[in-house]
Amino acid sequence: QVQLVESGGDLVQPGGSLRLSCASSGIIFKVYTMGWYRQAPGKRRELVAEVTRSETTNYADAVKDRFTISRDNANNMVYLEMNSLKPEDTAVYYCNAHHPFLPTRDYWGQGTHVTVSS
C-alpha cells in the first residue's frame, strides 16, 4: 500500500515561517519525482514546487525565493520550507509522488492546512 502523510500545517502570522513534511511508504522513493501542491478555498489545485530524483527543482512564480523543496532519500521524506508567508499562501497543501515514466504511478496525500493570518 502506498501512503503519503503530510504534517506541519498550522496557523501562522504574515511574514512567518513554516516547514511542511511528507512521509512516504510503499514506493521506491528515490526514483520518484516529489511535489507539493496547494488548493485554496474555491480555487483549483496548483503546483507549488517539485524535485526530481536528480535534484532538479521547479517552483511556482508566486513562491520563488520564499519556498524551498528538499528531499531526504535515506528517510523517504520530502519537505517544504516556507518563509515570508503571505495571506494568499493560505491553502491545503498536498504531497505528491509520481514516477518519471510510468504515468499510472501517481499518488497523493490527504493534505495539511496552512493558514496565514494575523
N, C-alpha and C. Protein backbone atom coordinates (compact mmCIF):
# COMPACT_ATOMS: atom_id res chain seq x y z
N GLN A 1 0.84 -1.18 0.00
CA GLN A 1 0.00 0.00 0.00
C GLN A 1 0.88 1.25 0.00
N VAL A 2 0.58 2.17 -0.92
CA VAL A 2 1.30 3.43 -0.99
C VAL A 2 0.64 4.42 -0.04
N GLN A 3 1.47 5.12 0.71
CA GLN A 3 0.95 6.09 1.65
C GLN A 3 1.85 7.31 1.69
N LEU A 4 1.23 8.49 1.59
CA LEU A 4 1.90 9.76 1.76
C LEU A 4 1.18 10.50 2.88
N VAL A 5 1.92 10.93 3.88
CA VAL A 5 1.32 11.58 5.03
C VAL A 5 2.00 12.92 5.27
N GLU A 6 1.23 13.99 5.13
CA GLU A 6 1.74 15.34 5.36
C GLU A 6 1.59 15.74 6.82
N SER A 7 2.46 16.63 7.26
CA SER A 7 2.35 17.20 8.59
C SER A 7 3.01 18.57 8.60
N GLY A 8 2.73 19.34 9.62
CA GLY A 8 3.37 20.64 9.80
C GLY A 8 2.49 21.84 9.54
N GLY A 9 1.31 21.63 8.99
CA GLY A 9 0.41 22.74 8.74
C GLY A 9 -0.03 23.39 10.04
N ASP A 10 -0.22 24.71 9.99
CA ASP A 10 -0.54 25.45 11.21
C ASP A 10 -1.08 26.82 10.85
N LEU A 11 -1.51 27.54 11.88
CA LEU A 11 -1.84 28.95 11.76
C LEU A 11 -0.58 29.75 12.03
N VAL A 12 -0.23 30.65 11.11
CA VAL A 12 0.99 31.44 11.25
C VAL A 12 0.71 32.87 10.82
N GLN A 13 1.41 33.82 11.41
CA GLN A 13 1.24 35.22 11.07
C GLN A 13 1.94 35.57 9.76
N PRO A 14 1.44 36.58 9.05
CA PRO A 14 2.14 37.03 7.85
C PRO A 14 3.60 37.35 8.15
N GLY A 15 4.48 36.95 7.25
CA GLY A 15 5.91 37.13 7.44
C GLY A 15 6.57 35.99 8.18
N GLY A 16 5.80 35.08 8.71
CA GLY A 16 6.33 33.96 9.46
C GLY A 16 6.81 32.83 8.57
N SER A 17 7.28 31.77 9.22
CA SER A 17 7.83 30.61 8.53
C SER A 17 7.17 29.33 9.01
N LEU A 18 7.22 28.32 8.16
CA LEU A 18 6.64 27.04 8.47
C LEU A 18 7.35 25.98 7.64
N ARG A 19 7.52 24.79 8.20
CA ARG A 19 8.08 23.68 7.45
C ARG A 19 7.09 22.54 7.39
N LEU A 20 6.74 22.14 6.18
CA LEU A 20 5.87 21.01 5.97
C LEU A 20 6.70 19.76 5.70
N SER A 21 6.21 18.62 6.15
CA SER A 21 6.89 17.35 5.95
C SER A 21 5.94 16.36 5.30
N CYS A 22 6.50 15.48 4.50
CA CYS A 22 5.74 14.40 3.88
C CYS A 22 6.50 13.11 4.04
N ALA A 23 5.90 12.16 4.72
CA ALA A 23 6.49 10.84 4.91
C ALA A 23 5.86 9.87 3.92
N SER A 24 6.69 9.13 3.20
CA SER A 24 6.19 8.21 2.19
C SER A 24 6.52 6.77 2.55
N SER A 25 5.68 5.86 2.06
CA SER A 25 5.92 4.44 2.21
C SER A 25 5.26 3.72 1.05
N GLY A 26 5.75 2.54 0.72
CA GLY A 26 5.16 1.74 -0.34
C GLY A 26 5.66 2.04 -1.74
N ILE A 27 6.62 2.96 -1.87
CA ILE A 27 7.23 3.26 -3.15
C ILE A 27 8.75 3.23 -3.01
N ILE A 28 9.42 3.06 -4.16
CA ILE A 28 10.88 3.20 -4.16
C ILE A 28 11.13 4.70 -4.26
N PHE A 29 11.22 5.33 -3.12
CA PHE A 29 11.18 6.77 -3.01
C PHE A 29 12.19 7.48 -3.89
N LYS A 30 13.41 6.99 -3.93
CA LYS A 30 14.48 7.70 -4.62
C LYS A 30 14.24 7.83 -6.12
N VAL A 31 13.36 7.00 -6.69
CA VAL A 31 13.07 7.03 -8.12
C VAL A 31 12.07 8.13 -8.46
N TYR A 32 11.20 8.48 -7.54
CA TYR A 32 10.05 9.32 -7.82
C TYR A 32 10.34 10.81 -7.81
N THR A 33 9.63 11.52 -8.68
CA THR A 33 9.54 12.96 -8.56
C THR A 33 8.56 13.29 -7.43
N MET A 34 8.97 14.14 -6.53
CA MET A 34 8.13 14.53 -5.40
C MET A 34 7.72 15.99 -5.55
N GLY A 35 6.49 16.27 -5.17
CA GLY A 35 6.00 17.63 -5.32
C GLY A 35 5.06 18.05 -4.21
N TRP A 36 4.93 19.36 -4.08
CA TRP A 36 3.93 19.95 -3.20
C TRP A 36 2.95 20.75 -4.05
N TYR A 37 1.68 20.53 -3.80
CA TYR A 37 0.60 21.26 -4.44
C TYR A 37 -0.25 21.92 -3.36
N ARG A 38 -1.02 22.91 -3.74
CA ARG A 38 -1.92 23.53 -2.78
C ARG A 38 -3.25 23.87 -3.43
N GLN A 39 -4.27 23.95 -2.60
CA GLN A 39 -5.60 24.30 -3.06
C GLN A 39 -6.24 25.23 -2.05
N ALA A 40 -6.48 26.45 -2.48
CA ALA A 40 -7.16 27.44 -1.65
C ALA A 40 -8.66 27.28 -1.81
N PRO A 41 -9.45 27.75 -0.84
CA PRO A 41 -10.91 27.63 -0.94
C PRO A 41 -11.44 28.24 -2.23
N GLY A 42 -12.25 27.47 -2.96
CA GLY A 42 -12.84 27.95 -4.18
C GLY A 42 -11.92 28.00 -5.38
N LYS A 43 -10.70 27.51 -5.26
CA LYS A 43 -9.73 27.56 -6.34
C LYS A 43 -9.26 26.16 -6.72
N ARG A 44 -8.63 26.08 -7.88
CA ARG A 44 -8.12 24.82 -8.39
C ARG A 44 -6.78 24.48 -7.75
N ARG A 45 -6.50 23.20 -7.62
CA ARG A 45 -5.22 22.77 -7.09
C ARG A 45 -4.09 23.19 -8.04
N GLU A 46 -3.00 23.69 -7.47
CA GLU A 46 -1.89 24.17 -8.27
C GLU A 46 -0.56 23.65 -7.75
N LEU A 47 0.39 23.52 -8.65
CA LEU A 47 1.74 23.12 -8.28
C LEU A 47 2.42 24.24 -7.51
N VAL A 48 3.06 23.89 -6.40
CA VAL A 48 3.86 24.82 -5.63
C VAL A 48 5.34 24.61 -5.93
N ALA A 49 5.80 23.38 -5.80
CA ALA A 49 7.20 23.05 -6.03
C ALA A 49 7.34 21.56 -6.27
N GLU A 50 8.38 21.18 -6.99
CA GLU A 50 8.67 19.77 -7.20
C GLU A 50 10.17 19.56 -7.29
N VAL A 51 10.59 18.34 -6.99
CA VAL A 51 12.00 17.99 -7.08
C VAL A 51 12.12 16.58 -7.64
N THR A 52 12.99 16.40 -8.62
CA THR A 52 13.17 15.11 -9.26
C THR A 52 14.21 14.28 -8.53
N ARG A 53 14.39 13.05 -9.01
CA ARG A 53 15.39 12.16 -8.43
C ARG A 53 16.80 12.71 -8.59
N SER A 54 17.01 13.53 -9.63
CA SER A 54 18.31 14.13 -9.88
C SER A 54 18.47 15.50 -9.21
N GLU A 55 17.52 15.86 -8.36
CA GLU A 55 17.55 17.10 -7.57
C GLU A 55 17.21 18.35 -8.38
N THR A 56 16.68 18.18 -9.58
CA THR A 56 16.16 19.33 -10.32
C THR A 56 14.90 19.84 -9.63
N THR A 57 14.79 21.15 -9.46
CA THR A 57 13.64 21.73 -8.79
C THR A 57 12.88 22.67 -9.72
N ASN A 58 11.61 22.84 -9.41
CA ASN A 58 10.74 23.73 -10.16
C ASN A 58 9.76 24.36 -9.17
N TYR A 59 9.60 25.68 -9.26
CA TYR A 59 8.73 26.41 -8.34
C TYR A 59 7.72 27.25 -9.08
N ALA A 60 6.55 27.38 -8.48
CA ALA A 60 5.59 28.34 -8.98
C ALA A 60 6.14 29.76 -8.80
N ASP A 61 5.82 30.64 -9.73
CA ASP A 61 6.32 32.01 -9.65
C ASP A 61 5.94 32.69 -8.33
N ALA A 62 4.78 32.36 -7.82
CA ALA A 62 4.29 33.01 -6.61
C ALA A 62 5.10 32.67 -5.37
N VAL A 63 5.88 31.60 -5.41
CA VAL A 63 6.62 31.18 -4.22
C VAL A 63 8.13 31.20 -4.41
N LYS A 64 8.59 31.51 -5.60
CA LYS A 64 10.04 31.56 -5.85
C LYS A 64 10.70 32.53 -4.88
N ASP A 65 11.85 32.14 -4.37
CA ASP A 65 12.66 32.91 -3.43
C ASP A 65 12.08 32.95 -2.03
N ARG A 66 10.94 32.30 -1.82
CA ARG A 66 10.36 32.21 -0.48
C ARG A 66 10.27 30.78 0.03
N PHE A 67 9.98 29.84 -0.87
CA PHE A 67 9.82 28.44 -0.50
C PHE A 67 10.99 27.62 -1.02
N THR A 68 11.32 26.55 -0.30
CA THR A 68 12.37 25.63 -0.73
C THR A 68 11.91 24.20 -0.53
N ILE A 69 11.96 23.41 -1.60
CA ILE A 69 11.63 22.00 -1.50
C ILE A 69 12.93 21.20 -1.39
N SER A 70 12.89 20.14 -0.59
CA SER A 70 14.05 19.28 -0.44
C SER A 70 13.60 17.85 -0.18
N ARG A 71 14.49 16.91 -0.42
CA ARG A 71 14.16 15.51 -0.18
C ARG A 71 15.27 14.82 0.59
N ASP A 72 14.87 13.84 1.37
CA ASP A 72 15.80 13.03 2.16
C ASP A 72 15.55 11.58 1.76
N ASN A 73 16.35 11.09 0.82
CA ASN A 73 16.13 9.75 0.29
C ASN A 73 16.38 8.66 1.33
N ALA A 74 17.27 8.92 2.28
CA ALA A 74 17.57 7.93 3.30
C ALA A 74 16.37 7.65 4.20
N ASN A 75 15.50 8.65 4.34
CA ASN A 75 14.34 8.52 5.23
C ASN A 75 13.01 8.61 4.52
N ASN A 76 13.03 8.64 3.19
CA ASN A 76 11.81 8.69 2.38
C ASN A 76 10.93 9.89 2.75
N MET A 77 11.58 11.04 2.89
CA MET A 77 10.88 12.25 3.30
C MET A 77 11.08 13.37 2.27
N VAL A 78 10.08 14.20 2.13
CA VAL A 78 10.19 15.42 1.35
C VAL A 78 9.67 16.57 2.21
N TYR A 79 10.30 17.74 2.07
CA TYR A 79 9.98 18.88 2.90
C TYR A 79 9.67 20.10 2.05
N LEU A 80 8.93 21.01 2.64
CA LEU A 80 8.71 22.32 2.03
C LEU A 80 8.94 23.37 3.11
N GLU A 81 10.04 24.10 2.98
CA GLU A 81 10.34 25.20 3.87
C GLU A 81 9.69 26.46 3.32
N MET A 82 8.83 27.07 4.10
CA MET A 82 8.09 28.24 3.66
C MET A 82 8.48 29.43 4.52
N ASN A 83 8.96 30.48 3.88
CA ASN A 83 9.36 31.70 4.56
C ASN A 83 8.58 32.89 4.01
N SER A 84 8.59 33.97 4.78
CA SER A 84 7.91 35.20 4.37
C SER A 84 6.49 34.93 3.92
N LEU A 85 5.77 34.19 4.72
CA LEU A 85 4.43 33.76 4.35
C LEU A 85 3.46 34.94 4.21
N LYS A 86 2.57 34.81 3.25
CA LYS A 86 1.58 35.81 2.94
C LYS A 86 0.18 35.23 3.11
N PRO A 87 -0.82 36.06 3.35
CA PRO A 87 -2.19 35.55 3.45
C PRO A 87 -2.62 34.72 2.24
N GLU A 88 -2.15 35.08 1.06
CA GLU A 88 -2.51 34.35 -0.15
C GLU A 88 -1.89 32.96 -0.24
N ASP A 89 -0.99 32.63 0.70
CA ASP A 89 -0.46 31.28 0.79
C ASP A 89 -1.40 30.34 1.53
N THR A 90 -2.45 30.86 2.10
CA THR A 90 -3.42 30.05 2.83
C THR A 90 -4.05 29.02 1.89
N ALA A 91 -3.95 27.75 2.27
CA ALA A 91 -4.45 26.67 1.42
C ALA A 91 -4.26 25.34 2.14
N VAL A 92 -4.83 24.30 1.57
CA VAL A 92 -4.49 22.94 1.95
C VAL A 92 -3.32 22.52 1.06
N TYR A 93 -2.26 22.06 1.68
CA TYR A 93 -1.06 21.65 0.95
C TYR A 93 -0.99 20.14 0.86
N TYR A 94 -0.77 19.64 -0.36
CA TYR A 94 -0.76 18.21 -0.63
C TYR A 94 0.60 17.74 -1.11
N CYS A 95 1.00 16.59 -0.64
CA CYS A 95 2.21 15.93 -1.10
C CYS A 95 1.86 15.02 -2.27
N ASN A 96 2.72 15.01 -3.29
CA ASN A 96 2.51 14.18 -4.46
C ASN A 96 3.78 13.42 -4.82
N ALA A 97 3.60 12.20 -5.28
CA ALA A 97 4.69 11.40 -5.81
C ALA A 97 4.27 10.84 -7.16
N HIS A 98 5.11 11.03 -8.19
CA HIS A 98 4.82 10.40 -9.47
C HIS A 98 6.10 9.85 -10.10
N HIS A 99 5.92 8.72 -10.72
CA HIS A 99 7.04 8.04 -11.37
C HIS A 99 7.43 8.81 -12.63
N PRO A 100 8.73 8.93 -12.92
CA PRO A 100 9.14 9.73 -14.08
C PRO A 100 8.70 9.21 -15.44
N PHE A 101 8.42 7.93 -15.60
CA PHE A 101 7.99 7.42 -16.90
C PHE A 101 6.86 6.40 -16.82
N LEU A 102 6.23 6.26 -15.69
CA LEU A 102 5.06 5.40 -15.53
C LEU A 102 3.90 6.26 -15.05
N PRO A 103 3.08 6.77 -15.99
CA PRO A 103 2.04 7.74 -15.61
C PRO A 103 0.97 7.22 -14.66
N THR A 104 0.80 5.91 -14.58
CA THR A 104 -0.18 5.37 -13.65
C THR A 104 0.31 5.38 -12.21
N ARG A 105 1.59 5.60 -12.02
CA ARG A 105 2.17 5.66 -10.69
C ARG A 105 2.17 7.12 -10.23
N ASP A 106 1.03 7.52 -9.66
CA ASP A 106 0.79 8.90 -9.28
C ASP A 106 -0.02 8.88 -7.98
N TYR A 107 0.56 9.41 -6.91
CA TYR A 107 -0.03 9.26 -5.59
C TYR A 107 -0.13 10.58 -4.85
N TRP A 108 -1.12 10.67 -3.97
CA TRP A 108 -1.40 11.89 -3.22
C TRP A 108 -1.60 11.62 -1.74
N GLY A 109 -1.20 12.59 -0.93
CA GLY A 109 -1.51 12.57 0.48
C GLY A 109 -2.87 13.21 0.74
N GLN A 110 -3.26 13.25 2.00
CA GLN A 110 -4.56 13.79 2.38
C GLN A 110 -4.56 15.30 2.58
N GLY A 111 -3.40 15.89 2.70
CA GLY A 111 -3.28 17.32 2.83
C GLY A 111 -3.09 17.79 4.26
N THR A 112 -2.48 18.96 4.38
CA THR A 112 -2.31 19.62 5.67
C THR A 112 -2.64 21.10 5.50
N HIS A 113 -3.36 21.66 6.47
CA HIS A 113 -3.87 23.02 6.35
C HIS A 113 -2.83 24.05 6.79
N VAL A 114 -2.67 25.08 5.97
CA VAL A 114 -1.84 26.21 6.30
C VAL A 114 -2.70 27.47 6.23
N THR A 115 -2.75 28.19 7.33
CA THR A 115 -3.50 29.44 7.39
C THR A 115 -2.56 30.56 7.79
N VAL A 116 -2.48 31.58 6.95
CA VAL A 116 -1.62 32.74 7.20
C VAL A 116 -2.52 33.93 7.51
N SER A 117 -2.53 34.32 8.75
CA SER A 117 -3.43 35.38 9.19
C SER A 117 -2.94 35.96 10.51
N SER A 118 -3.20 37.24 10.72
CA SER A 118 -2.88 37.88 11.98
C SER A 118 -4.08 37.89 12.92
